[in-house]
Amino acid sequence: MDDKKIFRASKQDVFLENREKVSITEVKDVENFDEKTIKVITPKGNLVIKGSDLHLQKLDLEEGKVIICGKIDGINYSEKVSDGKKGILNKILK
């Protein structure tokens, strides 16, 4: 029997509900956030959510999931992946 490793490609889901709630999987960190912009770090690139009255409803980095609520005006991927700097939560919790 051959010893073969099976590699699974990570699957990222972004679900937008009524422009009021977005759920994102495969989240590594949240780099920064305020009520108008939230920047999420993922293996697929940085994800920027823009809107108003935005807040993190749920953040579970062990599970790799974030839920953001508020009025969502836009979701945009940036090809630039984080340069290794720690995100806001790591800065707060150190």
PDB file of N, CA and C in Angstrom:
ATOM      1  N   MET A   1       0.835  -1.176   0.000  1.00  0.00           N
ATOM      2  CA  MET A   1       0.000   0.000   0.000  1.00  0.00           C
ATOM      3  C   MET A   1       0.883   1.244   0.000  1.00  0.00           C
ATOM      4  N   ASP A   2       0.639   2.171  -0.900  1.00  0.00           N
ATOM      5  CA  ASP A   2       1.440   3.375  -1.014  1.00  0.00           C
ATOM      6  C   ASP A   2       1.065   4.373   0.073  1.00  0.00           C
ATOM      7  N   ASP A   3       2.087   5.034   0.581  1.00  0.00           N
ATOM      8  CA  ASP A   3       1.840   6.115   1.547  1.00  0.00           C
ATOM      9  C   ASP A   3       1.691   7.418   0.775  1.00  0.00           C
ATOM     10  N   LYS A   4       0.473   7.765   0.466  1.00  0.00           N
ATOM     11  CA  LYS A   4       0.193   8.991  -0.272  1.00  0.00           C
ATOM     12  C   LYS A   4      -0.548   9.957   0.640  1.00  0.00           C
ATOM     13  N   LYS A   5      -0.161  11.207   0.533  1.00  0.00           N
ATOM     14  CA  LYS A   5      -0.863  12.236   1.284  1.00  0.00           C
ATOM     15  C   LYS A   5      -1.944  12.827   0.394  1.00  0.00           C
ATOM     16  N   ILE A   6      -3.074  13.050   0.983  1.00  0.00           N
ATOM     17  CA  ILE A   6      -4.181  13.657   0.250  1.00  0.00           C
ATOM     18  C   ILE A   6      -4.267  15.116   0.688  1.00  0.00           C
ATOM     19  N   PHE A   7      -4.155  16.005  -0.276  1.00  0.00           N
ATOM     20  CA  PHE A   7      -4.249  17.425   0.005  1.00  0.00           C
ATOM     21  C   PHE A   7      -5.589  17.927  -0.504  1.00  0.00           C
ATOM     22  N   ARG A   8      -6.283  18.631   0.332  1.00  0.00           N
ATOM     23  CA  ARG A   8      -7.558  19.204  -0.074  1.00  0.00           C
ATOM     24  C   ARG A   8      -7.402  20.711  -0.221  1.00  0.00           C
ATOM     25  N   ALA A   9      -7.891  21.210  -1.301  1.00  0.00           N
ATOM     26  CA  ALA A   9      -7.873  22.653  -1.502  1.00  0.00           C
ATOM     27  C   ALA A   9      -8.887  23.278  -0.556  1.00  0.00           C
ATOM     28  N   SER A  10      -8.499  24.371   0.035  1.00  0.00           N
ATOM     29  CA  SER A  10      -9.426  25.032   0.948  1.00  0.00           C
ATOM     30  C   SER A  10     -10.540  25.688   0.138  1.00  0.00           C
ATOM     31  N   LYS A  11     -11.714  25.642   0.695  1.00  0.00           N
ATOM     32  CA  LYS A  11     -12.891  26.213   0.051  1.00  0.00           C
ATOM     33  C   LYS A  11     -13.344  27.403   0.879  1.00  0.00           C
ATOM     34  N   GLN A  12     -13.471  28.516   0.228  1.00  0.00           N
ATOM     35  CA  GLN A  12     -13.922  29.711   0.931  1.00  0.00           C
ATOM     36  C   GLN A  12     -15.329  30.061   0.473  1.00  0.00           C
ATOM     37  N   ASP A  13     -16.195  30.318   1.458  1.00  0.00           N
ATOM     38  CA  ASP A  13     -17.560  30.730   1.165  1.00  0.00           C
ATOM     39  C   ASP A  13     -17.777  32.146   1.670  1.00  0.00           C
ATOM     40  N   VAL A  14     -18.462  32.933   0.862  1.00  0.00           N
ATOM     41  CA  VAL A  14     -18.880  34.280   1.250  1.00  0.00           C
ATOM     42  C   VAL A  14     -20.374  34.348   0.977  1.00  0.00           C
ATOM     43  N   PHE A  15     -21.160  34.447   2.046  1.00  0.00           N
ATOM     44  CA  PHE A  15     -22.618  34.509   1.918  1.00  0.00           C
ATOM     45  C   PHE A  15     -23.100  35.895   2.317  1.00  0.00           C
ATOM     46  N   LEU A  16     -23.832  36.534   1.424  1.00  0.00           N
ATOM     47  CA  LEU A  16     -24.400  37.853   1.692  1.00  0.00           C
ATOM     48  C   LEU A  16     -25.910  37.714   1.787  1.00  0.00           C
ATOM     49  N   GLU A  17     -26.472  38.181   2.901  1.00  0.00           N
ATOM     50  CA  GLU A  17     -27.915  38.098   3.122  1.00  0.00           C
ATOM     51  C   GLU A  17     -28.510  39.504   3.195  1.00  0.00           C
ATOM     52  N   ASN A  18     -29.347  39.850   2.216  1.00  0.00           N
ATOM     53  CA  ASN A  18     -30.088  41.121   2.193  1.00  0.00           C
ATOM     54  C   ASN A  18     -29.221  42.362   2.397  1.00  0.00           C
ATOM     55  N   ARG A  19     -27.958  42.302   2.001  1.00  0.00           N
ATOM     56  CA  ARG A  19     -27.016  43.416   2.180  1.00  0.00           C
ATOM     57  C   ARG A  19     -26.922  43.853   3.633  1.00  0.00           C
ATOM     58  N   GLU A  20     -27.289  42.967   4.574  1.00  0.00           N
ATOM     59  CA  GLU A  20     -27.255  43.294   5.998  1.00  0.00           C
ATOM     60  C   GLU A  20     -26.341  42.373   6.798  1.00  0.00           C
ATOM     61  N   LYS A  21     -25.970  41.243   6.212  1.00  0.00           N
ATOM     62  CA  LYS A  21     -25.181  40.256   6.946  1.00  0.00           C
ATOM     63  C   LYS A  21     -24.320  39.480   5.965  1.00  0.00           C
ATOM     64  N   VAL A  22     -23.036  39.362   6.270  1.00  0.00           N
ATOM     65  CA  VAL A  22     -22.145  38.570   5.433  1.00  0.00           C
ATOM     66  C   VAL A  22     -21.399  37.580   6.319  1.00  0.00           C
ATOM     67  N   SER A  23     -21.375  36.323   5.887  1.00  0.00           N
ATOM     68  CA  SER A  23     -20.655  35.251   6.583  1.00  0.00           C
ATOM     69  C   SER A  23     -19.498  34.820   5.688  1.00  0.00           C
ATOM     70  N   ILE A  24     -18.303  34.730   6.272  1.00  0.00           N
ATOM     71  CA  ILE A  24     -17.112  34.387   5.505  1.00  0.00           C
ATOM     72  C   ILE A  24     -16.395  33.244   6.202  1.00  0.00           C
ATOM     73  N   THR A  25     -15.988  32.233   5.429  1.00  0.00           N
ATOM     74  CA  THR A  25     -15.212  31.123   5.980  1.00  0.00           C
ATOM     75  C   THR A  25     -13.763  31.243   5.498  1.00  0.00           C
ATOM     76  N   GLU A  26     -12.897  30.408   6.060  1.00  0.00           N
ATOM     77  CA  GLU A  26     -11.454  30.402   5.754  1.00  0.00           C
ATOM     78  C   GLU A  26     -10.804  31.733   6.134  1.00  0.00           C
ATOM     79  N   VAL A  27     -11.206  32.298   7.262  1.00  0.00           N
ATOM     80  CA  VAL A  27     -10.660  33.571   7.732  1.00  0.00           C
ATOM     81  C   VAL A  27      -9.436  33.304   8.601  1.00  0.00           C
ATOM     82  N   LYS A  28      -8.345  34.000   8.295  1.00  0.00           N
ATOM     83  CA  LYS A  28      -7.128  33.897   9.106  1.00  0.00           C
ATOM     84  C   LYS A  28      -7.115  34.935  10.224  1.00  0.00           C
ATOM     85  N   ASP A  29      -7.551  36.153   9.903  1.00  0.00           N
ATOM     86  CA  ASP A  29      -7.491  37.237  10.875  1.00  0.00           C
ATOM     87  C   ASP A  29      -8.324  38.415  10.384  1.00  0.00           C
ATOM     88  N   VAL A  30      -8.576  39.355  11.271  1.00  0.00           N
ATOM     89  CA  VAL A  30      -9.187  40.631  10.918  1.00  0.00           C
ATOM     90  C   VAL A  30      -8.099  41.673  11.125  1.00  0.00           C
ATOM     91  N   GLU A  31      -7.683  42.320  10.040  1.00  0.00           N
ATOM     92  CA  GLU A  31      -6.565  43.258  10.128  1.00  0.00           C
ATOM     93  C   GLU A  31      -6.980  44.566  10.788  1.00  0.00           C
ATOM     94  N   ASN A  32      -8.109  45.113  10.367  1.00  0.00           N
ATOM     95  CA  ASN A  32      -8.625  46.320  11.018  1.00  0.00           C
ATOM     96  C   ASN A  32     -10.119  46.432  10.751  1.00  0.00           C
ATOM     97  N   PHE A  33     -10.765  47.224  11.593  1.00  0.00           N
ATOM     98  CA  PHE A  33     -12.195  47.405  11.404  1.00  0.00           C
ATOM     99  C   PHE A  33     -12.664  48.684  12.072  1.00  0.00           C
ATOM    100  N   ASP A  34     -13.687  49.267  11.493  1.00  0.00           N
ATOM    101  CA  ASP A  34     -14.442  50.360  12.094  1.00  0.00           C
ATOM    102  C   ASP A  34     -15.861  50.244  11.542  1.00  0.00           C
ATOM    103  N   GLU A  35     -16.695  51.221  11.789  1.00  0.00           N
ATOM    104  CA  GLU A  35     -18.095  51.073  11.373  1.00  0.00           C
ATOM    105  C   GLU A  35     -18.306  51.244   9.871  1.00  0.00           C
ATOM    106  N   LYS A  36     -17.253  51.649   9.127  1.00  0.00           N
ATOM    107  CA  LYS A  36     -17.388  51.824   7.683  1.00  0.00           C
ATOM    108  C   LYS A  36     -16.598  50.811   6.858  1.00  0.00           C
ATOM    109  N   THR A  37     -15.536  50.233   7.428  1.00  0.00           N
ATOM    110  CA  THR A  37     -14.680  49.312   6.677  1.00  0.00           C
ATOM    111  C   THR A  37     -14.163  48.207   7.581  1.00  0.00           C
ATOM    112  N   ILE A  38     -14.203  46.979   7.091  1.00  0.00           N
ATOM    113  CA  ILE A  38     -13.623  45.837   7.801  1.00  0.00           C
ATOM    114  C   ILE A  38     -12.730  45.104   6.813  1.00  0.00           C
ATOM    115  N   LYS A  39     -11.463  44.878   7.203  1.00  0.00           N
ATOM    116  CA  LYS A  39     -10.506  44.180   6.345  1.00  0.00           C
ATOM    117  C   LYS A  39     -10.215  42.813   6.938  1.00  0.00           C
ATOM    118  N   VAL A  40     -10.537  41.768   6.186  1.00  0.00           N
ATOM    119  CA  VAL A  40     -10.405  40.380   6.625  1.00  0.00           C
ATOM    120  C   VAL A  40      -9.269  39.729   5.836  1.00  0.00           C
ATOM    121  N   ILE A  41      -8.392  39.000   6.520  1.00  0.00           N
ATOM    122  CA  ILE A  41      -7.287  38.298   5.880  1.00  0.00           C
ATOM    123  C   ILE A  41      -7.696  36.842   5.643  1.00  0.00           C
ATOM    124  N   THR A  42      -7.569  36.390   4.397  1.00  0.00           N
ATOM    125  CA  THR A  42      -7.910  35.015   4.035  1.00  0.00           C
ATOM    126  C   THR A  42      -6.793  34.445   3.157  1.00  0.00           C
ATOM    127  N   PRO A  43      -6.730  33.134   3.006  1.00  0.00           N
ATOM    128  CA  PRO A  43      -5.736  32.543   2.113  1.00  0.00           C
ATOM    129  C   PRO A  43      -5.941  32.935   0.644  1.00  0.00           C
ATOM    130  N   LYS A  44      -7.129  33.360   0.304  1.00  0.00           N
ATOM    131  CA  LYS A  44      -7.454  33.748  -1.074  1.00  0.00           C
ATOM    132  C   LYS A  44      -7.126  35.207  -1.356  1.00  0.00           C
ATOM    133  N   GLY A  45      -6.704  35.962  -0.347  1.00  0.00           N
ATOM    134  CA  GLY A  45      -6.404  37.382  -0.468  1.00  0.00           C
ATOM    135  C   GLY A  45      -7.142  38.165   0.596  1.00  0.00           C
ATOM    136  N   ASN A  46      -6.835  39.449   0.665  1.00  0.00           N
ATOM    137  CA  ASN A  46      -7.522  40.316   1.623  1.00  0.00           C
ATOM    138  C   ASN A  46      -8.922  40.611   1.107  1.00  0.00           C
ATOM    139  N   LEU A  47      -9.868  40.633   2.022  1.00  0.00           N
ATOM    140  CA  LEU A  47     -11.264  40.886   1.682  1.00  0.00           C
ATOM    141  C   LEU A  47     -11.686  42.149   2.426  1.00  0.00           C
ATOM    142  N   VAL A  48     -12.149  43.154   1.680  1.00  0.00           N
ATOM    143  CA  VAL A  48     -12.544  44.432   2.274  1.00  0.00           C
ATOM    144  C   VAL A  48     -14.052  44.573   2.155  1.00  0.00           C
ATOM    145  N   ILE A  49     -14.700  44.769   3.302  1.00  0.00           N
ATOM    146  CA  ILE A  49     -16.148  44.960   3.349  1.00  0.00           C
ATOM    147  C   ILE A  49     -16.385  46.425   3.698  1.00  0.00           C
ATOM    148  N   LYS A  50     -17.168  47.116   2.871  1.00  0.00           N
ATOM    149  CA  LYS A  50     -17.461  48.535   3.109  1.00  0.00           C
ATOM    150  C   LYS A  50     -18.956  48.709   3.292  1.00  0.00           C
ATOM    151  N   GLY A  51     -19.309  49.689   4.128  1.00  0.00           N
ATOM    152  CA  GLY A  51     -20.711  49.970   4.381  1.00  0.00           C
ATOM    153  C   GLY A  51     -20.860  50.976   5.498  1.00  0.00           C
ATOM    154  N   SER A  52     -21.928  50.843   6.268  1.00  0.00           N
ATOM    155  CA  SER A  52     -22.147  51.721   7.417  1.00  0.00           C
ATOM    156  C   SER A  52     -22.715  50.895   8.567  1.00  0.00           C
ATOM    157  N   ASP A  53     -22.437  51.349   9.761  1.00  0.00           N
ATOM    158  CA  ASP A  53     -22.861  50.651  10.985  1.00  0.00           C
ATOM    159  C   ASP A  53     -22.399  49.194  11.006  1.00  0.00           C
ATOM    160  N   LEU A  54     -21.216  48.923  10.460  1.00  0.00           N
ATOM    161  CA  LEU A  54     -20.686  47.560  10.418  1.00  0.00           C
ATOM    162  C   LEU A  54     -20.163  47.146  11.788  1.00  0.00           C
ATOM    163  N   HIS A  55     -20.412  45.899  12.142  1.00  0.00           N
ATOM    164  CA  HIS A  55     -19.860  45.344  13.381  1.00  0.00           C
ATOM    165  C   HIS A  55     -19.662  43.835  13.223  1.00  0.00           C
ATOM    166  N   LEU A  56     -18.726  43.315  13.987  1.00  0.00           N
ATOM    167  CA  LEU A  56     -18.448  41.885  13.967  1.00  0.00           C
ATOM    168  C   LEU A  56     -19.441  41.203  14.896  1.00  0.00           C
ATOM    169  N   GLN A  57     -20.329  40.427  14.331  1.00  0.00           N
ATOM    170  CA  GLN A  57     -21.287  39.686  15.142  1.00  0.00           C
ATOM    171  C   GLN A  57     -20.625  38.454  15.738  1.00  0.00           C
ATOM    172  N   LYS A  58     -19.772  37.798  14.922  1.00  0.00           N
ATOM    173  CA  LYS A  58     -19.082  36.598  15.388  1.00  0.00           C
ATOM    174  C   LYS A  58     -17.703  36.560  14.749  1.00  0.00           C
ATOM    175  N   LEU A  59     -16.702  36.221  15.551  1.00  0.00           N
ATOM    176  CA  LEU A  59     -15.359  36.009  15.038  1.00  0.00           C
ATOM    177  C   LEU A  59     -14.793  34.791  15.736  1.00  0.00           C
ATOM    178  N   ASP A  60     -14.527  33.745  14.970  1.00  0.00           N
ATOM    179  CA  ASP A  60     -13.968  32.511  15.509  1.00  0.00           C
ATOM    180  C   ASP A  60     -12.796  32.113  14.620  1.00  0.00           C
ATOM    181  N   LEU A  61     -11.577  32.480  15.043  1.00  0.00           N
ATOM    182  CA  LEU A  61     -10.402  32.202  14.222  1.00  0.00           C
ATOM    183  C   LEU A  61     -10.030  30.729  14.229  1.00  0.00           C
ATOM    184  N   GLU A  62     -10.368  30.006  15.291  1.00  0.00           N
ATOM    185  CA  GLU A  62     -10.114  28.561  15.305  1.00  0.00           C
ATOM    186  C   GLU A  62     -10.947  27.863  14.225  1.00  0.00           C
ATOM    187  N   GLU A  63     -12.178  28.299  14.090  1.00  0.00           N
ATOM    188  CA  GLU A  63     -13.081  27.760  13.080  1.00  0.00           C
ATOM    189  C   GLU A  63     -12.869  28.437  11.727  1.00  0.00           C
ATOM    190  N   GLY A  64     -12.233  29.624  11.747  1.00  0.00           N
ATOM    191  CA  GLY A  64     -11.990  30.372  10.516  1.00  0.00           C
ATOM    192  C   GLY A  64     -13.232  31.020   9.958  1.00  0.00           C
ATOM    193  N   LYS A  65     -14.078  31.552  10.841  1.00  0.00           N
ATOM    194  CA  LYS A  65     -15.351  32.108  10.394  1.00  0.00           C
ATOM    195  C   LYS A  65     -15.586  33.483  11.009  1.00  0.00           C
ATOM    196  N   VAL A  66     -16.147  34.381  10.217  1.00  0.00           N
ATOM    197  CA  VAL A  66     -16.548  35.692  10.704  1.00  0.00           C
ATOM    198  C   VAL A  66     -17.935  36.004  10.151  1.00  0.00           C
ATOM    199  N   ILE A  67     -18.746  36.666  10.982  1.00  0.00           N
ATOM    200  CA  ILE A  67     -20.060  37.156  10.557  1.00  0.00           C
ATOM    201  C   ILE A  67     -20.077  38.657  10.818  1.00  0.00           C
ATOM    202  N   ILE A  68     -20.381  39.419   9.784  1.00  0.00           N
ATOM    203  CA  ILE A  68     -20.399  40.874   9.858  1.00  0.00           C
ATOM    204  C   ILE A  68     -21.807  41.356   9.558  1.00  0.00           C
ATOM    205  N   CYS A  69     -22.303  42.266  10.397  1.00  0.00           N
ATOM    206  CA  CYS A  69     -23.644  42.820  10.213  1.00  0.00           C
ATOM    207  C   CYS A  69     -23.554  44.329  10.033  1.00  0.00           C
ATOM    208  N   GLY A  70     -24.572  44.893   9.403  1.00  0.00           N
ATOM    209  CA  GLY A  70     -24.658  46.326   9.143  1.00  0.00           C
ATOM    210  C   GLY A  70     -25.185  46.526   7.733  1.00  0.00           C
ATOM    211  N   LYS A  71     -25.102  47.747   7.227  1.00  0.00           N
ATOM    212  CA  LYS A  71     -25.502  48.023   5.844  1.00  0.00           C
ATOM    213  C   LYS A  71     -24.272  47.819   4.972  1.00  0.00           C
ATOM    214  N   ILE A  72     -24.287  46.790   4.151  1.00  0.00           N
ATOM    215  CA  ILE A  72     -23.127  46.414   3.350  1.00  0.00           C
ATOM    216  C   ILE A  72     -23.259  47.017   1.954  1.00  0.00           C
ATOM    217  N   ASP A  73     -22.287  47.871   1.602  1.00  0.00           N
ATOM    218  CA  ASP A  73     -22.293  48.532   0.298  1.00  0.00           C
ATOM    219  C   ASP A  73     -21.378  47.837  -0.704  1.00  0.00           C
ATOM    220  N   GLY A  74     -20.358  47.135  -0.219  1.00  0.00           N
ATOM    221  CA  GLY A  74     -19.444  46.496  -1.154  1.00  0.00           C
ATOM    222  C   GLY A  74     -18.548  45.470  -0.491  1.00  0.00           C
ATOM    223  N   ILE A  75     -18.182  44.464  -1.274  1.00  0.00           N
ATOM    224  CA  ILE A  75     -17.242  43.429  -0.843  1.00  0.00           C
ATOM    225  C   ILE A  75     -16.227  43.305  -1.973  1.00  0.00           C
ATOM    226  N   ASN A  76     -14.946  43.437  -1.634  1.00  0.00           N
ATOM    227  CA  ASN A  76     -13.927  43.448  -2.666  1.00  0.00           C
ATOM    228  C   ASN A  76     -12.701  42.660  -2.229  1.00  0.00           C
ATOM    229  N   TYR A  77     -12.204  41.793  -3.120  1.00  0.00           N
ATOM    230  CA  TYR A  77     -10.951  41.086  -2.865  1.00  0.00           C
ATOM    231  C   TYR A  77      -9.785  41.942  -3.328  1.00  0.00           C
ATOM    232  N   SER A  78      -8.729  41.898  -2.560  1.00  0.00           N
ATOM    233  CA  SER A  78      -7.478  42.516  -2.934  1.00  0.00           C
ATOM    234  C   SER A  78      -6.493  41.385  -3.179  1.00  0.00           C
ATOM    235  N   GLU A  79      -5.735  41.458  -4.239  1.00  0.00           N
ATOM    236  CA  GLU A  79      -4.783  40.396  -4.546  1.00  0.00           C
ATOM    237  C   GLU A  79      -3.622  40.373  -3.563  1.00  0.00           C
ATOM    238  N   LYS A  80      -3.366  41.496  -2.906  1.00  0.00           N
ATOM    239  CA  LYS A  80      -2.252  41.550  -1.965  1.00  0.00           C
ATOM    240  C   LYS A  80      -2.613  40.771  -0.711  1.00  0.00           C
ATOM    241  N   VAL A  81      -1.849  39.731  -0.445  1.00  0.00           N
ATOM    242  CA  VAL A  81      -2.028  38.951   0.771  1.00  0.00           C
ATOM    243  C   VAL A  81      -1.205  39.622   1.854  1.00  0.00           C
ATOM    244  N   SER A  82      -1.678  39.573   3.085  1.00  0.00           N
ATOM    245  CA  SER A  82      -1.014  40.238   4.206  1.00  0.00           C
ATOM    246  C   SER A  82       0.474  39.926   4.235  1.00  0.00           C
ATOM    247  N   ASP A  83       1.277  40.942   4.567  1.00  0.00           N
ATOM    248  CA  ASP A  83       2.733  40.793   4.560  1.00  0.00           C
ATOM    249  C   ASP A  83       3.285  40.193   5.847  1.00  0.00           C
ATOM    250  N   GLY A  84       2.437  39.545   6.615  1.00  0.00           N
ATOM    251  CA  GLY A  84       2.906  38.889   7.830  1.00  0.00           C
ATOM    252  C   GLY A  84       2.722  39.728   9.083  1.00  0.00           C
ATOM    253  N   LYS A  85       2.291  40.973   8.921  1.00  0.00           N
ATOM    254  CA  LYS A  85       2.026  41.788  10.099  1.00  0.00           C
ATOM    255  C   LYS A  85       0.820  41.224  10.821  1.00  0.00           C
ATOM    256  N   LYS A  86       0.841  41.354  12.115  1.00  0.00           N
ATOM    257  CA  LYS A  86      -0.258  40.790  12.899  1.00  0.00           C
ATOM    258  C   LYS A  86      -1.498  41.664  12.773  1.00  0.00           C
ATOM    259  N   GLY A  87      -2.640  41.023  12.787  1.00  0.00           N
ATOM    260  CA  GLY A  87      -3.910  41.722  12.709  1.00  0.00           C
ATOM    261  C   GLY A  87      -4.264  42.390  14.015  1.00  0.00           C
ATOM    262  N   ILE A  88      -5.342  43.109  13.988  1.00  0.00           N
ATOM    263  CA  ILE A  88      -5.764  43.894  15.145  1.00  0.00           C
ATOM    264  C   ILE A  88      -6.035  43.037  16.368  1.00  0.00           C
ATOM    265  N   LEU A  89      -6.623  41.858  16.187  1.00  0.00           N
ATOM    266  CA  LEU A  89      -6.919  41.012  17.341  1.00  0.00           C
ATOM    267  C   LEU A  89      -5.644  40.483  17.980  1.00  0.00           C
ATOM    268  N   ASN A  90      -4.665  40.125  17.158  1.00  0.00           N
ATOM    269  CA  ASN A  90      -3.401  39.673  17.723  1.00  0.00           C
ATOM    270  C   ASN A  90      -2.700  40.802  18.467  1.00  0.00           C
ATOM    271  N   LYS A  91      -2.820  42.035  17.983  1.00  0.00           N
ATOM    272  CA  LYS A  91      -2.209  43.175  18.661  1.00  0.00           C
ATOM    273  C   LYS A  91      -2.876  43.412  20.013  1.00  0.00           C
ATOM    274  N   ILE A  92      -4.188  43.299  20.052  1.00  0.00           N
ATOM    275  CA  ILE A  92      -4.936  43.541  21.289  1.00  0.00           C
ATOM    276  C   ILE A  92      -4.658  42.449  22.315  1.00  0.00           C
ATOM    277  N   LEU A  93      -4.578  41.194  21.862  1.00  0.00           N
ATOM    278  CA  LEU A  93      -4.475  40.059  22.772  1.00  0.00           C
ATOM    279  C   LEU A  93      -3.050  39.706  23.178  1.00  0.00           C
ATOM    280  N   LYS A  94      -2.042  40.427  22.686  1.00  0.00           N
ATOM    281  CA  LYS A  94      -0.668  40.032  23.056  1.00  0.00           C
ATOM    282  C   LYS A  94      -0.262  40.453  24.412  1.00  0.00           C
TER     283      LYS A  94
END
